[in-house]
Amino acid sequence: MSLLKQIEDLAIQVSHKIILPNFASVHAKSKKDGSLLTAIDMQAHAELSEQLVKLADFPVLSEEMTSLEQQEIIDIEGSNYWCIDPIDGTSNFTFGVPYWCVSIALILEGQMKLGVVYDPNRNECFSASSDSVTTLNGEPLLIKKMQSNELKHCLALIDYKRLSSTMTQRLVSSPPYRSQRNFGASALDLCWIASQRCQLYLHGGQNLWDHAAGLLILKQAGAKAKTFQGEDVFQNNLQPKSVIAASNDLLMNKWTSYFRGIKKLPDN
């Protein structure tokens, strides 16, 4: 059995054994950054960490660690580690919104090598390796030909709360797309862009564990993603990254051109 398949099986097992039985039935507390944490996050973190090290003996970097602990792992010689988010979308999980996932990535020599995102609510397991196409539940992800590559026909996933006021005002007052959603689980969002359920994406500041797995899945499906500065989103560090993404090259070019116009406007 391949390592990727073992990671898929582990994500599914932990989801159904620990996380899903507690969906919408646990108390959450606020962390310093305002995000939520539950006892189930910690249980899932512990189980995933224990089992992943058995699959490949590398340290585990998780959202549920301190920034100092995370940095120590990144700084290890060779930069080989697991990067996980036990429950991406904890607010949704806590309040009963069925849009959250388990996210697992393997980073080798500072590069994304394997990525798995499992959505137990839809029983969908997205996965990819750096040398293979993206799969959904073990089958190659089927990318349909777009009926239109015009922004005005697209459905966009936009996280407004991390954007500048200028950018938010322009998007609200003069949206270039058909409609907009904000579902609240970054790794799963990226998988939905990869699968063309939504075609445009914008996020003002994702952490490493938010995008490591989902970004590889998006990339290996043929979708595109960059920061606002035109850099690669994954940079093997703890600095939050903006993400602008689209389901194909044509849409990405038009989407980034739209934002170049906004950047010329003064912020307020």
Protein backbone atom coordinates (compact mmCIF):
# COMPACT_ATOMS: atom_id res chain seq x y z
CA MET A 1 0.00 0.00 0.00
CA SER A 2 1.39 3.40 -0.97
CA LEU A 3 2.15 6.03 1.65
CA LEU A 4 -0.46 8.32 0.12
CA LYS A 5 -3.14 5.64 0.46
CA GLN A 6 -2.15 5.08 4.10
CA ILE A 7 -2.53 8.80 4.78
CA GLU A 8 -5.96 8.77 3.15
CA ASP A 9 -7.02 5.82 5.30
CA LEU A 10 -5.73 7.52 8.45
CA ALA A 11 -7.61 10.76 7.74
CA ILE A 12 -10.81 8.80 7.19
CA GLN A 13 -10.28 6.66 10.30
CA VAL A 14 -9.62 9.60 12.63
CA SER A 15 -12.53 11.55 11.17
CA HIS A 16 -15.05 8.78 11.81
CA LYS A 17 -13.58 7.54 15.09
CA ILE A 18 -12.91 10.83 16.88
CA ILE A 19 -14.24 13.88 15.07
CA LEU A 20 -17.54 13.16 13.34
CA PRO A 21 -19.26 11.62 16.41
CA ASN A 22 -18.72 14.96 18.19
CA PHE A 23 -19.89 17.21 15.36
CA ALA A 24 -21.89 20.17 16.72
CA SER A 25 -21.85 18.79 20.27
CA VAL A 26 -18.67 20.17 21.89
CA HIS A 27 -17.74 23.36 23.70
CA ALA A 28 -15.08 25.57 22.12
CA LYS A 29 -12.77 28.15 23.64
CA SER A 30 -11.17 31.11 21.90
CA LYS A 31 -7.45 31.19 21.19
CA LYS A 32 -5.34 34.36 21.20
CA ASP A 33 -5.96 34.93 17.48
CA GLY A 34 -9.72 34.67 17.96
CA SER A 35 -10.08 31.25 16.33
CA LEU A 36 -11.78 28.41 18.17
CA LEU A 37 -10.29 25.30 19.77
CA THR A 38 -12.11 22.23 21.05
CA ALA A 39 -11.03 19.15 22.99
CA ILE A 40 -11.73 17.19 19.79
CA ASP A 41 -9.10 19.24 17.93
CA MET A 42 -6.57 18.11 20.51
CA GLN A 43 -7.68 14.47 20.48
CA ALA A 44 -7.49 14.36 16.70
CA HIS A 45 -4.10 16.10 16.80
CA ALA A 46 -2.74 13.49 19.22
CA GLU A 47 -4.06 10.52 17.22
CA LEU A 48 -2.87 11.85 13.88
CA SER A 49 0.55 12.72 15.27
CA GLU A 50 1.03 9.29 16.80
CA GLN A 51 0.03 7.44 13.64
CA LEU A 52 1.81 9.67 11.10
CA VAL A 53 5.16 9.23 12.82
CA LYS A 54 4.68 5.48 12.43
CA LEU A 55 4.15 5.92 8.69
CA ALA A 56 7.23 8.12 8.26
CA ASP A 57 9.40 9.20 11.18
CA PHE A 58 9.22 12.97 10.80
CA PRO A 59 8.03 15.57 13.32
CA VAL A 60 4.45 16.82 13.10
CA LEU A 61 3.70 20.53 12.72
CA SER A 62 0.10 21.29 13.65
CA GLU A 63 -2.10 24.33 14.14
CA GLU A 64 -2.53 23.19 17.73
CA MET A 65 1.13 23.92 18.62
CA THR A 66 2.83 27.12 19.76
CA SER A 67 4.58 29.23 17.14
CA LEU A 68 7.91 28.43 18.79
CA GLU A 69 7.27 24.69 18.51
CA GLN A 70 6.24 25.13 14.88
CA GLN A 71 9.35 27.15 14.02
CA GLU A 72 11.64 24.58 15.62
CA ILE A 73 10.22 21.92 13.32
CA ILE A 74 10.65 24.03 10.19
CA ASP A 75 14.24 24.83 11.20
CA ILE A 76 15.23 21.16 11.55
CA GLU A 77 17.97 20.28 9.08
CA GLY A 78 16.46 18.88 5.91
CA SER A 79 13.06 20.47 6.65
CA ASN A 80 11.17 17.17 6.53
CA TYR A 81 7.91 17.16 8.48
CA TRP A 82 4.21 16.44 8.52
CA CYS A 83 1.93 19.51 8.41
CA ILE A 84 -1.60 18.96 9.68
CA ASP A 85 -4.79 20.73 10.61
CA PRO A 86 -6.84 18.20 12.62
CA ILE A 87 -10.06 20.14 12.02
CA ASP A 88 -9.88 22.85 9.40
CA GLY A 89 -13.06 24.86 9.95
CA THR A 90 -13.43 24.49 13.72
CA SER A 91 -16.06 27.24 13.90
CA ASN A 92 -18.21 25.35 11.39
CA PHE A 93 -17.60 22.10 13.29
CA THR A 94 -18.60 23.69 16.60
CA PHE A 95 -21.77 25.40 15.37
CA GLY A 96 -23.03 22.54 13.24
CA VAL A 97 -22.16 23.77 9.75
CA PRO A 98 -21.21 20.69 7.66
CA TYR A 99 -18.19 22.23 5.97
CA TRP A 100 -14.91 21.24 7.64
CA CYS A 101 -12.15 18.74 6.99
CA VAL A 102 -8.99 16.96 8.09
CA SER A 103 -5.88 18.23 6.29
CA ILE A 104 -2.54 16.36 6.12
CA ALA A 105 0.56 17.25 4.10
CA LEU A 106 4.04 15.75 3.94
CA ILE A 107 6.85 18.25 3.39
CA LEU A 108 10.20 16.85 2.26
CA GLU A 109 13.28 19.06 1.89
CA GLY A 110 11.02 22.08 2.24
CA GLN A 111 8.74 21.08 -0.64
CA MET A 112 5.16 19.79 -0.75
CA LYS A 113 5.22 16.07 -1.59
CA LEU A 114 1.92 14.56 -0.45
CA GLY A 115 -1.43 16.10 0.43
CA VAL A 116 -4.73 14.70 1.68
CA VAL A 117 -7.91 16.61 2.54
CA TYR A 118 -10.85 14.56 3.81
CA ASP A 119 -14.39 15.90 4.11
CA PRO A 120 -16.35 13.41 6.26
CA ASN A 121 -19.65 15.21 5.73
CA ARG A 122 -19.58 14.39 2.02
CA ASN A 123 -17.28 11.36 2.37
CA GLU A 124 -14.87 12.95 -0.09
CA CYS A 125 -11.13 12.37 0.07
CA PHE A 126 -9.02 14.64 -2.13
CA SER A 127 -5.36 13.68 -2.48
CA ALA A 128 -2.28 14.34 -4.58
CA SER A 129 1.45 13.80 -4.72
CA SER A 130 4.01 16.04 -6.37
CA ASP A 131 4.41 13.53 -9.21
CA SER A 132 0.79 12.46 -9.75
CA VAL A 133 -2.59 13.91 -10.66
CA THR A 134 -5.17 14.84 -8.05
CA THR A 135 -7.65 12.13 -7.11
CA LEU A 136 -11.07 12.20 -5.48
CA ASN A 137 -11.94 9.02 -3.57
CA GLY A 138 -9.15 7.22 -5.39
CA GLU A 139 -10.19 8.22 -8.91
CA PRO A 140 -8.52 10.94 -11.01
CA LEU A 141 -10.34 14.22 -10.50
CA LEU A 142 -12.31 14.88 -13.67
CA ILE A 143 -11.84 18.45 -14.84
CA LYS A 144 -14.64 19.55 -17.13
CA LYS A 145 -14.16 22.04 -19.93
CA MET A 146 -15.44 25.40 -18.75
CA GLN A 147 -18.50 26.65 -20.62
CA SER A 148 -17.12 30.15 -20.17
CA ASN A 149 -13.82 31.62 -19.02
CA GLU A 150 -15.35 35.00 -18.24
CA LEU A 151 -15.20 36.23 -14.64
CA LYS A 152 -18.84 37.33 -14.83
CA HIS A 153 -19.92 33.69 -15.14
CA CYS A 154 -17.88 32.44 -12.16
CA LEU A 155 -18.72 31.53 -8.58
CA ALA A 156 -16.10 32.96 -6.21
CA LEU A 157 -14.97 31.97 -2.72
CA ILE A 158 -13.98 35.19 -0.91
CA ASP A 159 -12.80 35.61 2.69
CA TYR A 160 -13.54 39.31 3.22
CA LYS A 161 -12.34 39.69 6.80
CA ARG A 162 -8.63 39.55 5.90
CA LEU A 163 -8.76 41.91 2.90
CA SER A 164 -8.01 45.62 2.76
CA SER A 165 -10.95 48.01 2.98
CA THR A 166 -10.30 49.20 -0.58
CA MET A 167 -10.39 45.68 -1.96
CA THR A 168 -13.47 44.73 0.05
CA GLN A 169 -15.39 47.84 -0.98
CA ARG A 170 -14.63 47.31 -4.65
CA LEU A 171 -15.60 43.63 -4.55
CA VAL A 172 -18.87 44.40 -2.76
CA SER A 173 -19.83 47.42 -4.87
CA SER A 174 -18.66 46.13 -8.24
CA PRO A 175 -18.12 42.35 -8.17
CA PRO A 176 -16.64 40.95 -11.40
CA TYR A 177 -18.10 37.48 -10.81
CA ARG A 178 -21.62 36.02 -10.87
CA SER A 179 -21.85 35.33 -7.12
CA GLN A 180 -19.72 34.94 -3.99
CA ARG A 181 -19.53 32.51 -1.06
CA ASN A 182 -17.42 32.17 2.10
CA PHE A 183 -17.56 28.67 3.58
CA GLY A 184 -14.86 28.87 6.27
CA ALA A 185 -12.44 25.96 5.73
CA SER A 186 -9.40 26.96 3.68
CA ALA A 187 -8.08 23.49 2.78
CA LEU A 188 -11.50 22.40 1.55
CA ASP A 189 -11.95 25.70 -0.30
CA LEU A 190 -8.81 24.97 -2.33
CA CYS A 191 -10.12 21.50 -3.18
CA TRP A 192 -13.37 23.02 -4.41
CA ILE A 193 -11.41 25.33 -6.70
CA ALA A 194 -9.46 22.31 -7.92
CA SER A 195 -12.71 20.50 -8.70
CA GLN A 196 -14.25 23.61 -10.36
CA ARG A 197 -17.21 23.72 -7.98
CA CYS A 198 -16.12 27.31 -7.53
CA GLN A 199 -13.82 28.95 -10.04
CA LEU A 200 -12.26 31.95 -8.26
CA TYR A 201 -10.68 32.27 -4.82
CA LEU A 202 -9.39 35.05 -2.61
CA HIS A 203 -7.99 34.94 0.92
CA GLY A 204 -6.03 37.68 2.64
CA GLY A 205 -3.90 35.58 4.98
CA GLN A 206 -3.61 31.80 5.26
CA ASN A 207 -1.27 29.94 7.57
CA LEU A 208 0.98 27.09 6.47
CA TRP A 209 -1.36 24.38 7.78
CA ASP A 210 -4.31 26.06 6.05
CA HIS A 211 -2.92 25.58 2.56
CA ALA A 212 -0.11 22.99 2.49
CA ALA A 213 -2.27 20.00 1.52
CA GLY A 214 -4.99 21.86 -0.35
CA LEU A 215 -2.50 23.81 -2.42
CA LEU A 216 -0.80 20.65 -3.70
CA ILE A 217 -4.20 19.17 -4.55
CA LEU A 218 -5.14 22.37 -6.41
CA LYS A 219 -1.84 22.50 -8.27
CA GLN A 220 -1.88 18.86 -9.38
CA ALA A 221 -5.43 19.33 -10.69
CA GLY A 222 -4.20 22.05 -13.03
CA ALA A 223 -5.61 25.04 -11.13
CA LYS A 224 -3.47 28.08 -10.33
CA ALA A 225 -2.62 30.00 -7.15
CA LYS A 226 -0.31 32.89 -6.22
CA THR A 227 0.03 35.51 -3.50
CA PHE A 228 -1.00 39.12 -4.19
CA GLN A 229 2.69 39.77 -4.88
CA GLY A 230 2.78 37.05 -7.56
CA GLU A 231 4.85 34.67 -5.44
CA ASP A 232 4.30 30.98 -4.71
CA VAL A 233 1.88 30.58 -1.82
CA PHE A 234 3.81 27.73 -0.22
CA GLN A 235 7.17 29.04 1.02
CA ASN A 236 7.97 26.70 3.93
CA ASN A 237 7.68 29.36 6.62
CA LEU A 238 5.15 30.55 9.19
CA GLN A 239 4.33 33.92 7.64
CA PRO A 240 0.64 34.13 6.66
CA LYS A 241 0.17 34.23 2.88
CA SER A 242 -2.46 35.87 0.75
CA VAL A 243 -3.99 33.54 -1.84
CA ILE A 244 -5.49 34.40 -5.19
CA ALA A 245 -6.49 31.32 -7.17
CA ALA A 246 -8.53 30.20 -10.16
CA SER A 247 -9.50 26.93 -11.80
CA ASN A 248 -7.40 27.49 -14.93
CA ASP A 249 -4.82 29.77 -16.57
CA LEU A 250 -7.26 31.94 -18.48
CA LEU A 251 -9.34 32.72 -15.42
CA MET A 252 -6.22 33.31 -13.34
CA ASN A 253 -4.94 35.90 -15.81
CA LYS A 254 -8.25 37.77 -15.80
CA TRP A 255 -8.63 37.50 -12.01
CA THR A 256 -5.14 38.88 -11.32
CA SER A 257 -5.66 41.66 -13.88
CA TYR A 258 -8.76 42.73 -12.00
CA PHE A 259 -6.74 43.07 -8.78
CA ARG A 260 -3.97 45.01 -10.42
CA GLY A 261 -6.58 47.69 -11.07
CA ILE A 262 -7.72 47.70 -7.43
CA LYS A 263 -4.16 48.05 -6.11
CA LYS A 264 -3.86 51.39 -7.88
CA LEU A 265 -6.66 52.78 -5.72
CA PRO A 266 -5.76 54.47 -2.40
CA ASP A 267 -6.75 52.51 0.71
CA ASN A 268 -8.84 54.21 3.38
